[in-house]
Amino acid sequence: MGNKTKGLLALLGLGALAYWKYKKSTPEEQQAVKDKINAAKDNLNKWGNDLKNKANDVASQVKTKVDDVKTNTEDSVS
């Protein structure tokens, strides 16, 4: 067996173990797991939105600089 196959089997085994443990847990513990997953999802969405906003800010700054250089170049040629 290759490393990829072993890794995939290990991941599948961990997933099955986690699912079994989740199903055997109490409703309170299941709700705690759901809350953790939702909090992680919300944090990931927030991080993605922050990253997108920063990328848009940098893109607008670059566009402004390019426009300024273009204007300065046109003025110096004229």
PDB file of N, CA and C in Angstrom:
ATOM      1  N   MET A   1       0.836  -1.192   0.000  1.00  0.00           N
ATOM      2  CA  MET A   1       0.000   0.000   0.000  1.00  0.00           C
ATOM      3  C   MET A   1       0.872   1.243   0.000  1.00  0.00           C
ATOM      4  N   GLY A   2       0.450   2.224  -0.762  1.00  0.00           N
ATOM      5  CA  GLY A   2       1.190   3.465  -0.806  1.00  0.00           C
ATOM      6  C   GLY A   2       0.831   4.369   0.360  1.00  0.00           C
ATOM      7  N   ASN A   3       1.593   5.427   0.506  1.00  0.00           N
ATOM      8  CA  ASN A   3       1.353   6.380   1.592  1.00  0.00           C
ATOM      9  C   ASN A   3      -0.006   7.050   1.461  1.00  0.00           C
ATOM     10  N   LYS A   4      -0.416   7.324   0.232  1.00  0.00           N
ATOM     11  CA  LYS A   4      -1.712   7.974   0.028  1.00  0.00           C
ATOM     12  C   LYS A   4      -2.852   7.066   0.474  1.00  0.00           C
ATOM     13  N   THR A   5      -2.734   5.786   0.178  1.00  0.00           N
ATOM     14  CA  THR A   5      -3.778   4.833   0.562  1.00  0.00           C
ATOM     15  C   THR A   5      -3.844   4.697   2.077  1.00  0.00           C
ATOM     16  N   LYS A   6      -2.688   4.614   2.712  1.00  0.00           N
ATOM     17  CA  LYS A   6      -2.648   4.509   4.174  1.00  0.00           C
ATOM     18  C   LYS A   6      -3.218   5.771   4.814  1.00  0.00           C
ATOM     19  N   GLY A   7      -2.861   6.900   4.279  1.00  0.00           N
ATOM     20  CA  GLY A   7      -3.368   8.161   4.814  1.00  0.00           C
ATOM     21  C   GLY A   7      -4.872   8.275   4.650  1.00  0.00           C
ATOM     22  N   LEU A   8      -5.368   7.847   3.505  1.00  0.00           N
ATOM     23  CA  LEU A   8      -6.809   7.883   3.254  1.00  0.00           C
ATOM     24  C   LEU A   8      -7.553   6.937   4.192  1.00  0.00           C
ATOM     25  N   LEU A   9      -7.008   5.752   4.399  1.00  0.00           N
ATOM     26  CA  LEU A   9      -7.627   4.800   5.319  1.00  0.00           C
ATOM     27  C   LEU A   9      -7.611   5.324   6.750  1.00  0.00           C
ATOM     28  N   ALA A  10      -6.510   5.967   7.155  1.00  0.00           N
ATOM     29  CA  ALA A  10      -6.424   6.535   8.495  1.00  0.00           C
ATOM     30  C   ALA A  10      -7.447   7.649   8.667  1.00  0.00           C
ATOM     31  N   LEU A  11      -7.582   8.490   7.663  1.00  0.00           N
ATOM     32  CA  LEU A  11      -8.557   9.576   7.717  1.00  0.00           C
ATOM     33  C   LEU A  11      -9.974   9.040   7.765  1.00  0.00           C
ATOM     34  N   LEU A  12     -10.247   8.015   6.994  1.00  0.00           N
ATOM     35  CA  LEU A  12     -11.556   7.380   7.001  1.00  0.00           C
ATOM     36  C   LEU A  12     -11.848   6.744   8.364  1.00  0.00           C
ATOM     37  N   GLY A  13     -10.854   6.114   8.940  1.00  0.00           N
ATOM     38  CA  GLY A  13     -11.006   5.518  10.268  1.00  0.00           C
ATOM     39  C   GLY A  13     -11.268   6.566  11.336  1.00  0.00           C
ATOM     40  N   LEU A  14     -10.545   7.665  11.284  1.00  0.00           N
ATOM     41  CA  LEU A  14     -10.774   8.751  12.245  1.00  0.00           C
ATOM     42  C   LEU A  14     -12.169   9.346  12.085  1.00  0.00           C
ATOM     43  N   GLY A  15     -12.605   9.471  10.857  1.00  0.00           N
ATOM     44  CA  GLY A  15     -13.949   9.984  10.606  1.00  0.00           C
ATOM     45  C   GLY A  15     -15.013   9.059  11.160  1.00  0.00           C
ATOM     46  N   ALA A  16     -14.820   7.757  10.957  1.00  0.00           N
ATOM     47  CA  ALA A  16     -15.781   6.784  11.474  1.00  0.00           C
ATOM     48  C   ALA A  16     -15.790   6.787  13.001  1.00  0.00           C
ATOM     49  N   LEU A  17     -14.620   6.897  13.602  1.00  0.00           N
ATOM     50  CA  LEU A  17     -14.534   6.957  15.057  1.00  0.00           C
ATOM     51  C   LEU A  17     -15.212   8.212  15.598  1.00  0.00           C
ATOM     52  N   ALA A  18     -14.987   9.331  14.951  1.00  0.00           N
ATOM     53  CA  ALA A  18     -15.617  10.575  15.390  1.00  0.00           C
ATOM     54  C   ALA A  18     -17.130  10.496  15.248  1.00  0.00           C
ATOM     55  N   TYR A  19     -17.610   9.921  14.161  1.00  0.00           N
ATOM     56  CA  TYR A  19     -19.052   9.778  13.953  1.00  0.00           C
ATOM     57  C   TYR A  19     -19.659   8.874  15.017  1.00  0.00           C
ATOM     58  N   TRP A  20     -19.000   7.749  15.311  1.00  0.00           N
ATOM     59  CA  TRP A  20     -19.493   6.814  16.318  1.00  0.00           C
ATOM     60  C   TRP A  20     -19.532   7.484  17.691  1.00  0.00           C
ATOM     61  N   LYS A  21     -18.465   8.218  18.018  1.00  0.00           N
ATOM     62  CA  LYS A  21     -18.409   8.897  19.314  1.00  0.00           C
ATOM     63  C   LYS A  21     -19.489   9.976  19.397  1.00  0.00           C
ATOM     64  N   TYR A  22     -19.730  10.670  18.309  1.00  0.00           N
ATOM     65  CA  TYR A  22     -20.772  11.703  18.284  1.00  0.00           C
ATOM     66  C   TYR A  22     -22.146  11.078  18.514  1.00  0.00           C
ATOM     67  N   LYS A  23     -22.429   9.971  17.837  1.00  0.00           N
ATOM     68  CA  LYS A  23     -23.728   9.317  17.970  1.00  0.00           C
ATOM     69  C   LYS A  23     -23.941   8.734  19.368  1.00  0.00           C
ATOM     70  N   LYS A  24     -22.879   8.339  20.044  1.00  0.00           N
ATOM     71  CA  LYS A  24     -22.982   7.760  21.379  1.00  0.00           C
ATOM     72  C   LYS A  24     -23.040   8.839  22.464  1.00  0.00           C
ATOM     73  N   SER A  25     -22.754  10.094  22.136  1.00  0.00           N
ATOM     74  CA  SER A  25     -22.707  11.148  23.148  1.00  0.00           C
ATOM     75  C   SER A  25     -24.119  11.617  23.511  1.00  0.00           C
ATOM     76  N   THR A  26     -24.202  12.350  24.608  1.00  0.00           N
ATOM     77  CA  THR A  26     -25.487  12.871  25.073  1.00  0.00           C
ATOM     78  C   THR A  26     -25.929  14.027  24.180  1.00  0.00           C
ATOM     79  N   PRO A  27     -27.207  14.369  24.211  1.00  0.00           N
ATOM     80  CA  PRO A  27     -27.672  15.508  23.411  1.00  0.00           C
ATOM     81  C   PRO A  27     -26.956  16.815  23.753  1.00  0.00           C
ATOM     82  N   GLU A  28     -26.594  16.999  25.017  1.00  0.00           N
ATOM     83  CA  GLU A  28     -25.868  18.215  25.404  1.00  0.00           C
ATOM     84  C   GLU A  28     -24.486  18.243  24.758  1.00  0.00           C
ATOM     85  N   GLU A  29     -23.813  17.092  24.759  1.00  0.00           N
ATOM     86  CA  GLU A  29     -22.495  17.023  24.130  1.00  0.00           C
ATOM     87  C   GLU A  29     -22.606  17.213  22.617  1.00  0.00           C
ATOM     88  N   GLN A  30     -23.666  16.658  22.008  1.00  0.00           N
ATOM     89  CA  GLN A  30     -23.871  16.846  20.580  1.00  0.00           C
ATOM     90  C   GLN A  30     -24.101  18.318  20.257  1.00  0.00           C
ATOM     91  N   GLN A  31     -24.866  19.004  21.098  1.00  0.00           N
ATOM     92  CA  GLN A  31     -25.111  20.434  20.878  1.00  0.00           C
ATOM     93  C   GLN A  31     -23.821  21.231  21.024  1.00  0.00           C
ATOM     94  N   ALA A  32     -22.969  20.833  21.972  1.00  0.00           N
ATOM     95  CA  ALA A  32     -21.688  21.513  22.147  1.00  0.00           C
ATOM     96  C   ALA A  32     -20.824  21.357  20.895  1.00  0.00           C
ATOM     97  N   VAL A  33     -20.839  20.170  20.301  1.00  0.00           N
ATOM     98  CA  VAL A  33     -20.078  19.935  19.066  1.00  0.00           C
ATOM     99  C   VAL A  33     -20.644  20.797  17.940  1.00  0.00           C
ATOM    100  N   LYS A  34     -21.971  20.838  17.818  1.00  0.00           N
ATOM    101  CA  LYS A  34     -22.606  21.661  16.784  1.00  0.00           C
ATOM    102  C   LYS A  34     -22.257  23.135  16.972  1.00  0.00           C
ATOM    103  N   ASP A  35     -22.250  23.595  18.228  1.00  0.00           N
ATOM    104  CA  ASP A  35     -21.910  24.988  18.507  1.00  0.00           C
ATOM    105  C   ASP A  35     -20.468  25.294  18.113  1.00  0.00           C
ATOM    106  N   LYS A  36     -19.554  24.359  18.409  1.00  0.00           N
ATOM    107  CA  LYS A  36     -18.148  24.560  18.038  1.00  0.00           C
ATOM    108  C   LYS A  36     -17.993  24.621  16.521  1.00  0.00           C
ATOM    109  N   ILE A  37     -18.710  23.744  15.829  1.00  0.00           N
ATOM    110  CA  ILE A  37     -18.616  23.731  14.365  1.00  0.00           C
ATOM    111  C   ILE A  37     -19.177  25.030  13.788  1.00  0.00           C
ATOM    112  N   ASN A  38     -20.308  25.487  14.318  1.00  0.00           N
ATOM    113  CA  ASN A  38     -20.895  26.737  13.828  1.00  0.00           C
ATOM    114  C   ASN A  38     -19.999  27.925  14.127  1.00  0.00           C
ATOM    115  N   ALA A  39     -19.364  27.941  15.301  1.00  0.00           N
ATOM    116  CA  ALA A  39     -18.451  29.033  15.642  1.00  0.00           C
ATOM    117  C   ALA A  39     -17.246  29.027  14.701  1.00  0.00           C
ATOM    118  N   ALA A  40     -16.722  27.840  14.418  1.00  0.00           N
ATOM    119  CA  ALA A  40     -15.588  27.741  13.498  1.00  0.00           C
ATOM    120  C   ALA A  40     -15.991  28.205  12.101  1.00  0.00           C
ATOM    121  N   LYS A  41     -17.196  27.837  11.666  1.00  0.00           N
ATOM    122  CA  LYS A  41     -17.680  28.262  10.350  1.00  0.00           C
ATOM    123  C   LYS A  41     -17.824  29.780  10.292  1.00  0.00           C
ATOM    124  N   ASP A  42     -18.379  30.368  11.355  1.00  0.00           N
ATOM    125  CA  ASP A  42     -18.544  31.816  11.395  1.00  0.00           C
ATOM    126  C   ASP A  42     -17.186  32.523  11.373  1.00  0.00           C
ATOM    127  N   ASN A  43     -16.223  31.991  12.130  1.00  0.00           N
ATOM    128  CA  ASN A  43     -14.880  32.581  12.138  1.00  0.00           C
ATOM    129  C   ASN A  43     -14.222  32.472  10.775  1.00  0.00           C
ATOM    130  N   LEU A  44     -14.406  31.359  10.103  1.00  0.00           N
ATOM    131  CA  LEU A  44     -13.829  31.171   8.780  1.00  0.00           C
ATOM    132  C   LEU A  44     -14.458  32.131   7.777  1.00  0.00           C
ATOM    133  N   ASN A  45     -15.779  32.306   7.851  1.00  0.00           N
ATOM    134  CA  ASN A  45     -16.459  33.253   6.962  1.00  0.00           C
ATOM    135  C   ASN A  45     -15.981  34.677   7.222  1.00  0.00           C
ATOM    136  N   LYS A  46     -15.827  35.035   8.502  1.00  0.00           N
ATOM    137  CA  LYS A  46     -15.349  36.383   8.854  1.00  0.00           C
ATOM    138  C   LYS A  46     -13.936  36.596   8.323  1.00  0.00           C
ATOM    139  N   TRP A  47     -13.078  35.589   8.500  1.00  0.00           N
ATOM    140  CA  TRP A  47     -11.714  35.693   8.019  1.00  0.00           C
ATOM    141  C   TRP A  47     -11.689  35.837   6.496  1.00  0.00           C
ATOM    142  N   GLY A  48     -12.531  35.080   5.803  1.00  0.00           N
ATOM    143  CA  GLY A  48     -12.601  35.172   4.344  1.00  0.00           C
ATOM    144  C   GLY A  48     -13.076  36.537   3.884  1.00  0.00           C
ATOM    145  N   ASN A  49     -14.074  37.078   4.574  1.00  0.00           N
ATOM    146  CA  ASN A  49     -14.570  38.409   4.216  1.00  0.00           C
ATOM    147  C   ASN A  49     -13.522  39.479   4.483  1.00  0.00           C
ATOM    148  N   ASP A  50     -12.795  39.361   5.604  1.00  0.00           N
ATOM    149  CA  ASP A  50     -11.724  40.318   5.895  1.00  0.00           C
ATOM    150  C   ASP A  50     -10.637  40.258   4.831  1.00  0.00           C
ATOM    151  N   LEU A  51     -10.279  39.051   4.433  1.00  0.00           N
ATOM    152  CA  LEU A  51      -9.255  38.870   3.404  1.00  0.00           C
ATOM    153  C   LEU A  51      -9.708  39.472   2.074  1.00  0.00           C
ATOM    154  N   LYS A  52     -10.972  39.261   1.740  1.00  0.00           N
ATOM    155  CA  LYS A  52     -11.519  39.809   0.498  1.00  0.00           C
ATOM    156  C   LYS A  52     -11.507  41.339   0.539  1.00  0.00           C
ATOM    157  N   ASN A  53     -11.902  41.918   1.677  1.00  0.00           N
ATOM    158  CA  ASN A  53     -11.903  43.379   1.800  1.00  0.00           C
ATOM    159  C   ASN A  53     -10.495  43.943   1.686  1.00  0.00           C
ATOM    160  N   LYS A  54      -9.519  43.284   2.310  1.00  0.00           N
ATOM    161  CA  LYS A  54      -8.131  43.757   2.215  1.00  0.00           C
ATOM    162  C   LYS A  54      -7.627  43.665   0.778  1.00  0.00           C
ATOM    163  N   ALA A  55      -7.982  42.590   0.087  1.00  0.00           N
ATOM    164  CA  ALA A  55      -7.558  42.438  -1.309  1.00  0.00           C
ATOM    165  C   ALA A  55      -8.180  43.528  -2.174  1.00  0.00           C
ATOM    166  N   ASN A  56      -9.443  43.846  -1.934  1.00  0.00           N
ATOM    167  CA  ASN A  56     -10.092  44.921  -2.693  1.00  0.00           C
ATOM    168  C   ASN A  56      -9.457  46.272  -2.391  1.00  0.00           C
ATOM    169  N   ASP A  57      -9.087  46.507  -1.126  1.00  0.00           N
ATOM    170  CA  ASP A  57      -8.412  47.755  -0.766  1.00  0.00           C
ATOM    171  C   ASP A  57      -7.073  47.887  -1.476  1.00  0.00           C
ATOM    172  N   VAL A  58      -6.299  46.809  -1.492  1.00  0.00           N
ATOM    173  CA  VAL A  58      -4.995  46.834  -2.159  1.00  0.00           C
ATOM    174  C   VAL A  58      -5.181  47.042  -3.656  1.00  0.00           C
ATOM    175  N   ALA A  59      -6.177  46.396  -4.237  1.00  0.00           N
ATOM    176  CA  ALA A  59      -6.424  46.559  -5.675  1.00  0.00           C
ATOM    177  C   ALA A  59      -6.800  48.001  -5.996  1.00  0.00           C
ATOM    178  N   SER A  60      -7.607  48.630  -5.160  1.00  0.00           N
ATOM    179  CA  SER A  60      -7.982  50.024  -5.422  1.00  0.00           C
ATOM    180  C   SER A  60      -6.782  50.956  -5.233  1.00  0.00           C
ATOM    181  N   GLN A  61      -5.919  50.648  -4.268  1.00  0.00           N
ATOM    182  CA  GLN A  61      -4.712  51.463  -4.087  1.00  0.00           C
ATOM    183  C   GLN A  61      -3.787  51.344  -5.288  1.00  0.00           C
ATOM    184  N   VAL A  62      -3.649  50.130  -5.811  1.00  0.00           N
ATOM    185  CA  VAL A  62      -2.801  49.923  -6.986  1.00  0.00           C
ATOM    186  C   VAL A  62      -3.385  50.654  -8.176  1.00  0.00           C
ATOM    187  N   LYS A  63      -4.700  50.596  -8.339  1.00  0.00           N
ATOM    188  CA  LYS A  63      -5.336  51.291  -9.457  1.00  0.00           C
ATOM    189  C   LYS A  63      -5.128  52.796  -9.344  1.00  0.00           C
ATOM    190  N   THR A  64      -5.238  53.324  -8.137  1.00  0.00           N
ATOM    191  CA  THR A  64      -5.014  54.755  -7.918  1.00  0.00           C
ATOM    192  C   THR A  64      -3.582  55.133  -8.269  1.00  0.00           C
ATOM    193  N   LYS A  65      -2.615  54.338  -7.833  1.00  0.00           N
ATOM    194  CA  LYS A  65      -1.202  54.620  -8.134  1.00  0.00           C
ATOM    195  C   LYS A  65      -0.947  54.565  -9.640  1.00  0.00           C
ATOM    196  N   VAL A  66      -1.536  53.569 -10.320  1.00  0.00           N
ATOM    197  CA  VAL A  66      -1.350  53.447 -11.776  1.00  0.00           C
ATOM    198  C   VAL A  66      -1.950  54.657 -12.473  1.00  0.00           C
ATOM    199  N   ASP A  67      -3.125  55.092 -12.037  1.00  0.00           N
ATOM    200  CA  ASP A  67      -3.742  56.276 -12.635  1.00  0.00           C
ATOM    201  C   ASP A  67      -2.885  57.517 -12.412  1.00  0.00           C
ATOM    202  N   ASP A  68      -2.298  57.638 -11.199  1.00  0.00           N
ATOM    203  CA  ASP A  68      -1.431  58.777 -10.914  1.00  0.00           C
ATOM    204  C   ASP A  68      -0.192  58.766 -11.804  1.00  0.00           C
ATOM    205  N   VAL A  69       0.430  57.612 -11.962  1.00  0.00           N
ATOM    206  CA  VAL A  69       1.622  57.499 -12.799  1.00  0.00           C
ATOM    207  C   VAL A  69       1.261  57.785 -14.249  1.00  0.00           C
ATOM    208  N   LYS A  70       0.114  57.298 -14.687  1.00  0.00           N
ATOM    209  CA  LYS A  70      -0.324  57.537 -16.061  1.00  0.00           C
ATOM    210  C   LYS A  70      -0.536  59.032 -16.291  1.00  0.00           C
ATOM    211  N   THR A  71      -1.181  59.693 -15.326  1.00  0.00           N
ATOM    212  CA  THR A  71      -1.425  61.126 -15.440  1.00  0.00           C
ATOM    213  C   THR A  71      -0.112  61.897 -15.458  1.00  0.00           C
ATOM    214  N   ASN A  72       0.818  61.542 -14.569  1.00  0.00           N
ATOM    215  CA  ASN A  72       2.129  62.219 -14.527  1.00  0.00           C
ATOM    216  C   ASN A  72       2.898  61.994 -15.823  1.00  0.00           C
ATOM    217  N   THR A  73       2.821  60.813 -16.375  1.00  0.00           N
ATOM    218  CA  THR A  73       3.521  60.518 -17.619  1.00  0.00           C
ATOM    219  C   THR A  73       2.908  61.315 -18.776  1.00  0.00           C
ATOM    220  N   GLU A  74       1.591  61.385 -18.833  1.00  0.00           N
ATOM    221  CA  GLU A  74       0.946  62.165 -19.888  1.00  0.00           C
ATOM    222  C   GLU A  74       1.268  63.653 -19.758  1.00  0.00           C
ATOM    223  N   ASP A  75       1.329  64.150 -18.513  1.00  0.00           N
ATOM    224  CA  ASP A  75       1.658  65.565 -18.304  1.00  0.00           C
ATOM    225  C   ASP A  75       3.109  65.847 -18.701  1.00  0.00           C
ATOM    226  N   SER A  76       4.027  64.938 -18.420  1.00  0.00           N
ATOM    227  CA  SER A  76       5.424  65.186 -18.769  1.00  0.00           C
ATOM    228  C   SER A  76       5.662  65.059 -20.265  1.00  0.00           C
ATOM    229  N   VAL A  77       4.887  64.251 -20.965  1.00  0.00           N
ATOM    230  CA  VAL A  77       5.019  64.120 -22.408  1.00  0.00           C
ATOM    231  C   VAL A  77       4.461  65.365 -23.094  1.00  0.00           C
ATOM    232  N   SER A  78       3.414  65.933 -22.525  1.00  0.00           N
ATOM    233  CA  SER A  78       2.780  67.093 -23.159  1.00  0.00           C
ATOM    234  C   SER A  78       3.556  68.318 -23.008  1.00  0.00           C
TER     235      SER A  78
END
